[in-house]
Protein backbone atom coordinates (compact mmCIF):
# COMPACT_ATOMS: atom_id res chain seq x y z
CA MET A 1 0.00 0.01 -0.02
CA GLN A 2 2.79 2.39 0.88
CA ASN A 3 4.62 1.65 -2.39
CA THR A 4 1.43 2.36 -4.27
CA ARG A 5 0.93 5.69 -2.59
CA ARG A 6 4.50 6.67 -3.23
CA LEU A 7 4.08 5.90 -7.01
CA THR A 8 0.81 7.83 -7.03
CA ASN A 9 2.36 10.90 -5.31
CA LEU A 10 5.40 10.73 -7.64
CA ALA A 11 3.16 10.60 -10.68
CA ARG A 12 1.24 13.68 -9.39
CA LEU A 13 4.50 15.59 -8.82
CA LEU A 14 5.77 14.67 -12.24
CA LEU A 15 2.48 15.78 -13.78
CA LEU A 16 2.68 19.16 -12.07
CA ARG A 17 6.26 19.76 -13.18
CA ARG A 18 5.57 18.66 -16.71
CA THR A 19 2.41 20.76 -17.04
CA ALA A 20 4.45 23.92 -16.04
CA THR A 21 7.25 23.01 -18.44
CA THR A 22 4.87 22.36 -21.29
CA ALA A 23 3.04 25.67 -20.71
CA ALA A 24 6.34 27.54 -20.91
CA THR A 25 7.40 25.75 -24.10
CA GLN A 26 4.16 26.46 -25.83
CA ALA A 27 4.40 30.12 -24.88
CA THR A 28 7.90 30.27 -26.35
CA SER A 29 6.79 28.48 -29.50
CA ALA A 30 3.81 30.79 -29.98
CA SER A 31 6.08 33.92 -29.91
CA GLY A 32 8.53 32.43 -32.45
CA VAL A 33 8.84 34.01 -35.88
CA ASP A 34 9.87 32.22 -39.11
CA GLY A 35 12.75 34.12 -40.50
CA GLY A 36 12.95 32.04 -43.67
CA GLY A 37 12.19 33.52 -47.13
CA GLY A 38 9.20 31.28 -47.80
CA ALA A 39 6.30 29.89 -45.84
CA GLU A 40 6.73 26.15 -45.49
CA GLU A 41 3.62 24.03 -45.07
CA THR A 42 2.91 23.09 -41.49
CA THR A 43 1.31 20.07 -39.90
CA HIS A 44 0.57 18.74 -36.42
CA PHE A 45 2.87 16.88 -34.09
CA GLY A 46 0.49 16.03 -31.33
CA TYR A 47 -0.93 19.39 -30.33
CA GLN A 48 2.07 21.28 -31.60
CA THR A 49 2.15 22.92 -34.97
CA VAL A 50 5.43 22.14 -36.79
CA LYS A 51 6.87 22.43 -40.29
CA GLU A 52 6.16 19.35 -42.41
CA SER A 53 9.94 18.79 -42.79
CA GLU A 54 10.29 18.58 -39.04
CA LYS A 55 7.53 16.05 -38.27
CA GLU A 56 9.30 12.98 -39.72
CA HIS A 57 12.38 13.68 -37.58
CA LYS A 58 10.32 14.27 -34.45
CA VAL A 59 8.31 11.06 -34.92
CA HIS A 60 11.49 9.11 -35.67
CA GLU A 61 13.00 10.49 -32.43
CA VAL A 62 9.92 9.48 -30.40
CA PHE A 63 10.03 5.81 -31.62
CA GLU A 64 13.79 5.65 -31.28
CA GLN A 65 13.37 6.64 -27.65
CA VAL A 66 10.48 4.11 -26.90
CA ALA A 67 11.57 1.14 -29.04
CA LYS A 68 12.97 -1.03 -26.27
CA SER A 69 10.06 -0.29 -23.91
CA TYR A 70 7.34 -0.22 -26.58
CA ASP A 71 5.76 -3.63 -25.83
CA LEU A 72 5.96 -3.12 -22.07
CA MET A 73 4.22 0.26 -22.32
CA ASN A 74 1.51 -1.19 -24.68
CA ASP A 75 0.65 -3.69 -21.94
CA ALA A 76 0.72 -1.14 -19.19
CA MET A 77 -1.30 1.56 -21.09
CA SER A 78 -4.02 -0.82 -22.39
CA MET A 79 -3.92 -3.22 -19.39
CA GLY A 80 -3.13 -5.87 -21.96
CA ILE A 81 -6.15 -5.28 -24.08
CA HIS A 82 -4.01 -4.35 -27.14
CA ARG A 83 -3.26 -8.09 -27.50
CA VAL A 84 -6.98 -8.79 -27.91
CA TRP A 85 -7.33 -6.01 -30.41
CA LYS A 86 -4.47 -7.40 -32.51
CA ASP A 87 -5.87 -10.96 -32.37
CA ILE A 88 -9.18 -9.71 -33.61
CA PHE A 89 -7.44 -7.66 -36.32
CA ILE A 90 -5.78 -10.85 -37.69
CA GLU A 91 -8.99 -12.78 -37.45
CA ARG A 92 -10.69 -10.18 -39.59
CA LEU A 93 -7.82 -10.37 -42.07
CA GLY A 94 -8.24 -14.13 -42.21
CA PRO A 95 -4.79 -15.00 -43.66
CA THR A 96 -4.70 -17.78 -46.23
CA HIS A 97 -1.71 -19.73 -47.56
CA GLY A 98 -0.07 -18.05 -50.51
CA MET A 99 -0.73 -14.53 -49.18
CA ARG A 100 1.94 -11.87 -49.51
CA LEU A 101 1.55 -9.40 -46.64
CA LEU A 102 3.08 -5.95 -46.26
CA ASP A 103 3.00 -5.09 -42.54
CA MET A 104 3.71 -1.39 -42.58
CA ALA A 105 4.72 0.34 -39.35
CA GLY A 106 5.31 -3.24 -38.25
CA GLY A 107 8.31 -2.53 -36.07
CA THR A 108 8.32 -4.98 -33.21
CA GLY A 109 6.47 -7.60 -35.17
CA ASP A 110 3.23 -8.02 -33.21
CA ILE A 111 1.01 -8.22 -36.35
CA SER A 112 3.43 -10.21 -38.45
CA PHE A 113 4.00 -12.82 -35.75
CA ARG A 114 0.25 -13.25 -35.32
CA TYR A 115 -0.13 -13.60 -39.10
CA LEU A 116 2.50 -16.38 -39.26
CA LYS A 117 1.12 -18.18 -36.20
CA TYR A 118 -2.40 -18.00 -37.70
CA LEU A 119 -1.13 -19.51 -40.97
CA ALA A 120 0.73 -22.29 -39.10
CA LYS A 121 -2.62 -23.46 -37.69
CA GLN A 122 -4.23 -23.74 -41.09
CA PRO A 123 -4.10 -26.89 -43.24
CA ASN A 124 -1.81 -26.47 -46.25
CA PRO A 125 -2.02 -29.57 -48.42
CA GLN A 126 -0.68 -27.84 -51.47
CA GLN A 127 2.30 -26.52 -49.52
CA ARG A 128 1.71 -22.97 -50.74
CA GLN A 129 4.28 -20.40 -49.84
CA SER A 130 3.31 -17.34 -47.80
CA HIS A 131 5.29 -14.28 -47.12
CA VAL A 132 5.39 -11.16 -44.90
CA THR A 133 7.52 -8.03 -45.29
CA VAL A 134 7.78 -6.14 -42.02
CA SER A 135 8.48 -2.53 -42.81
CA ASP A 136 8.97 0.53 -40.60
CA ILE A 137 10.53 3.96 -41.00
CA ASN A 138 12.53 3.37 -37.74
CA GLN A 139 15.32 0.86 -37.80
CA HIS A 140 15.45 0.72 -34.01
CA MET A 141 11.88 -0.64 -33.97
CA LEU A 142 12.87 -3.20 -36.63
CA ASN A 143 15.90 -4.30 -34.62
CA VAL A 144 13.65 -5.07 -31.69
CA GLY A 145 11.34 -6.97 -33.95
CA GLU A 146 14.04 -9.05 -35.50
CA GLU A 147 15.41 -10.00 -32.10
CA ARG A 148 11.93 -11.04 -30.91
CA ALA A 149 11.55 -13.16 -34.08
CA ARG A 150 14.77 -15.02 -33.30
CA GLN A 151 13.58 -15.58 -29.69
CA LEU A 152 10.21 -16.89 -30.93
CA GLY A 153 11.69 -19.10 -33.61
CA LEU A 154 10.01 -17.11 -36.40
CA THR A 155 13.00 -16.74 -38.75
CA VAL A 156 13.29 -17.82 -42.34
CA GLU A 157 15.28 -20.91 -41.39
CA GLN A 158 12.63 -22.11 -38.97
CA LEU A 159 9.38 -21.32 -40.83
CA PRO A 160 7.68 -24.03 -42.85
CA ASN A 161 6.16 -22.76 -46.13
CA ALA A 162 6.52 -19.09 -45.04
CA SER A 163 9.13 -16.37 -45.20
CA ILE A 164 9.67 -13.04 -43.44
CA ASP A 165 11.90 -10.12 -44.23
CA TRP A 166 12.52 -6.73 -42.67
CA GLN A 167 12.87 -3.47 -44.51
CA CYS A 168 13.26 0.08 -43.34
CA ALA A 169 10.98 2.28 -45.47
CA ASP A 170 8.80 5.34 -45.49
CA ALA A 171 5.03 4.58 -45.81
CA GLU A 172 4.63 7.69 -47.99
CA LYS A 173 7.32 6.59 -50.47
CA LEU A 174 7.45 2.80 -50.57
CA PRO A 175 10.39 1.10 -52.37
CA PHE A 176 8.22 -1.83 -53.54
CA LYS A 177 6.97 -2.44 -57.06
CA SER A 178 3.34 -1.87 -57.88
CA ASP A 179 0.96 -4.79 -57.44
CA SER A 180 3.40 -6.62 -55.15
CA PHE A 181 1.27 -7.71 -52.20
CA THR A 182 -2.08 -9.32 -51.61
CA ALA A 183 -2.65 -7.66 -48.26
CA TYR A 184 -1.40 -4.51 -46.47
CA THR A 185 -1.73 -4.00 -42.74
CA ILE A 186 -0.82 -0.98 -40.59
CA ALA A 187 -1.48 -1.08 -36.88
CA PHE A 188 -1.12 2.01 -34.64
CA GLY A 189 1.09 3.69 -37.10
CA ILE A 190 -0.79 5.71 -39.70
CA ARG A 191 -1.59 8.55 -37.33
CA ASN A 192 2.11 9.24 -37.02
CA CYS A 193 2.52 9.86 -40.77
CA THR A 194 2.64 13.43 -42.04
CA HIS A 195 0.52 12.77 -45.13
CA VAL A 196 -2.07 10.13 -44.49
CA ASP A 197 -3.39 10.55 -48.01
CA LYS A 198 0.01 9.57 -49.46
CA VAL A 199 0.21 6.53 -47.18
CA LEU A 200 -3.16 5.35 -48.49
CA SER A 201 -2.18 6.07 -52.07
CA GLU A 202 1.03 4.07 -51.69
CA ALA A 203 -0.85 1.21 -50.08
CA TYR A 204 -3.20 1.13 -53.04
CA ARG A 205 -0.31 1.16 -55.54
CA VAL A 206 1.61 -1.77 -54.01
CA LEU A 207 -1.47 -3.99 -53.62
CA GLN A 208 -2.48 -6.38 -56.34
CA PRO A 209 -6.06 -6.14 -57.76
CA GLY A 210 -8.26 -7.88 -55.20
CA GLY A 211 -5.80 -6.99 -52.50
CA ARG A 212 -6.96 -5.81 -49.09
CA PHE A 213 -5.98 -2.77 -46.98
CA MET A 214 -6.49 -3.06 -43.29
CA CYS A 215 -5.75 -0.50 -40.50
CA LEU A 216 -5.95 -0.89 -36.76
CA GLU A 217 -5.77 2.50 -35.12
CA PHE A 218 -6.87 4.37 -31.96
CA SER A 219 -10.02 6.24 -32.65
CA HIS A 220 -12.84 8.19 -30.95
CA LEU A 221 -15.64 7.07 -28.61
CA ASN A 222 -19.22 7.97 -29.53
CA ASN A 223 -20.30 8.35 -25.91
CA GLU A 224 -19.32 11.73 -24.47
CA ALA A 225 -19.11 10.61 -20.90
CA MET A 226 -16.94 7.64 -21.75
CA GLN A 227 -14.75 9.81 -23.95
CA TRP A 228 -14.23 12.27 -21.01
CA LEU A 229 -13.19 9.39 -18.76
CA TYR A 230 -10.89 8.04 -21.46
CA ASP A 231 -9.32 11.49 -21.92
CA GLN A 232 -8.66 11.82 -18.15
CA TYR A 233 -6.84 8.43 -18.19
CA SER A 234 -4.97 9.25 -21.37
CA PHE A 235 -3.67 12.64 -20.32
CA GLN A 236 -3.37 12.23 -16.55
CA VAL A 237 -2.11 8.67 -16.30
CA ILE A 238 -0.27 7.58 -19.48
CA PRO A 239 2.48 10.21 -19.61
CA PRO A 240 3.42 9.75 -15.90
CA MET A 241 3.31 6.06 -16.54
CA GLY A 242 5.68 6.48 -19.43
CA GLN A 243 8.10 8.37 -17.21
CA LEU A 244 7.93 5.85 -14.40
CA LEU A 245 8.28 2.71 -16.51
CA ALA A 246 10.30 3.94 -19.52
CA GLY A 247 11.76 7.23 -18.47
CA GLN A 248 9.89 8.95 -21.33
CA TRP A 249 7.24 11.57 -20.60
CA HIS A 250 7.20 13.64 -23.78
CA ALA A 251 7.09 10.61 -26.09
CA TYR A 252 3.93 9.29 -24.49
CA GLN A 253 2.42 12.75 -24.23
CA TYR A 254 2.85 12.98 -27.96
CA LEU A 255 1.35 9.55 -28.55
CA VAL A 256 -1.78 10.53 -26.60
CA GLU A 257 -2.13 13.81 -28.45
CA SER A 258 -1.68 12.17 -31.82
CA ILE A 259 -4.63 9.90 -31.05
CA ARG A 260 -6.86 12.94 -30.43
CA ARG A 261 -5.74 14.61 -33.73
CA PHE A 262 -6.47 11.56 -35.87
CA PRO A 263 -9.69 11.75 -37.97
CA ARG A 264 -12.85 10.27 -36.74
CA GLN A 265 -14.00 6.92 -38.10
CA GLU A 266 -16.29 8.20 -40.87
CA GLN A 267 -13.79 10.76 -41.99
CA PHE A 268 -11.00 8.21 -42.24
CA LYS A 269 -13.32 5.86 -44.11
CA SER A 270 -13.83 8.63 -46.70
CA MET A 271 -10.15 9.10 -47.01
CA ILE A 272 -9.73 5.36 -47.77
CA GLU A 273 -12.40 5.57 -50.39
CA ASP A 274 -10.75 8.70 -51.88
CA ALA A 275 -7.54 6.67 -52.30
CA GLY A 276 -9.46 4.34 -54.65
CA PHE A 277 -10.41 1.50 -52.28
CA VAL A 278 -13.97 0.06 -52.49
CA ASN A 279 -16.15 -1.72 -49.94
CA ALA A 280 -14.58 0.46 -47.25
CA THR A 281 -15.81 -0.36 -43.77
CA TYR A 282 -14.92 0.02 -40.16
CA GLU A 283 -15.55 -1.82 -36.90
CA ASN A 284 -15.19 -0.23 -33.49
CA LEU A 285 -13.59 -2.20 -30.72
CA THR A 286 -13.98 -1.39 -27.01
CA PHE A 287 -16.61 1.33 -27.58
CA GLY A 288 -14.44 2.95 -30.28
CA VAL A 289 -11.20 3.17 -28.35
CA VAL A 290 -9.76 1.56 -31.46
CA SER A 291 -11.24 0.84 -34.91
CA ILE A 292 -10.46 -1.55 -37.65
CA HIS A 293 -10.73 -0.02 -41.18
CA SER A 294 -10.80 -2.12 -44.27
CA GLY A 295 -10.93 -1.60 -48.05
CA PHE A 296 -10.27 -3.47 -51.25
CA LYS A 297 -8.39 -2.69 -54.45
CA LEU A 298 -10.28 -3.75 -57.61
């Protein structure tokens, strides 16, 4: 009980200090003047407004900082429910033998490992070869994923009728040929991209006709009272938890803010359709804390 109280008091103290620091930083940013000759396009980085050229670096820095503690913090922040969300996500994908999957923002391998394990449980009398490319813009995240794959025995040498490779790449400028994959997944990653429309366009390009796009992402609750409670937990608990467990406050503050800036379910569905996908749908999980969006390329 005493340890719990100490942690609670420490979290409150950290919150007060960080709130004061954040307020001072925002005031300084607001008074800044761009001395450049031209007005560069701006975008959001959480609740901050930054130049588009800066966001990729800032996001890269965040995930470089949290890479080693990413899975621990996912468990702590969601109380383990993220594992259920990812299981449902793979069930909705329904992998079949012979599939070629691009798992974008796949970093630590959670989605790809579930995909491979799902296939391993399915009969494969024709011995069809399946494949997954795990891609992420952050090499540190991929390094963590590759190490986990070795520990789980999910390497090329140990997989029957399946292969896996790892490639550092930008979701807005994929290095893959057009019509290369039969499925594209992105879980908890698309909200961190500067140009979501470009990500969707690239996903459409690399998918074969008949291929499926699927996205698992934090979203918005429809119930105002539940959304308020969720916001209190997100802003008052998650950043202090990030500091206590991973030594990272600002990174998790950004992650919470980025969730609130992401489009609502219907708006994101429209963006998927604008990219050319058909039969676009979404399914809310846990009252809309997260949503699964899906679309097909014809």
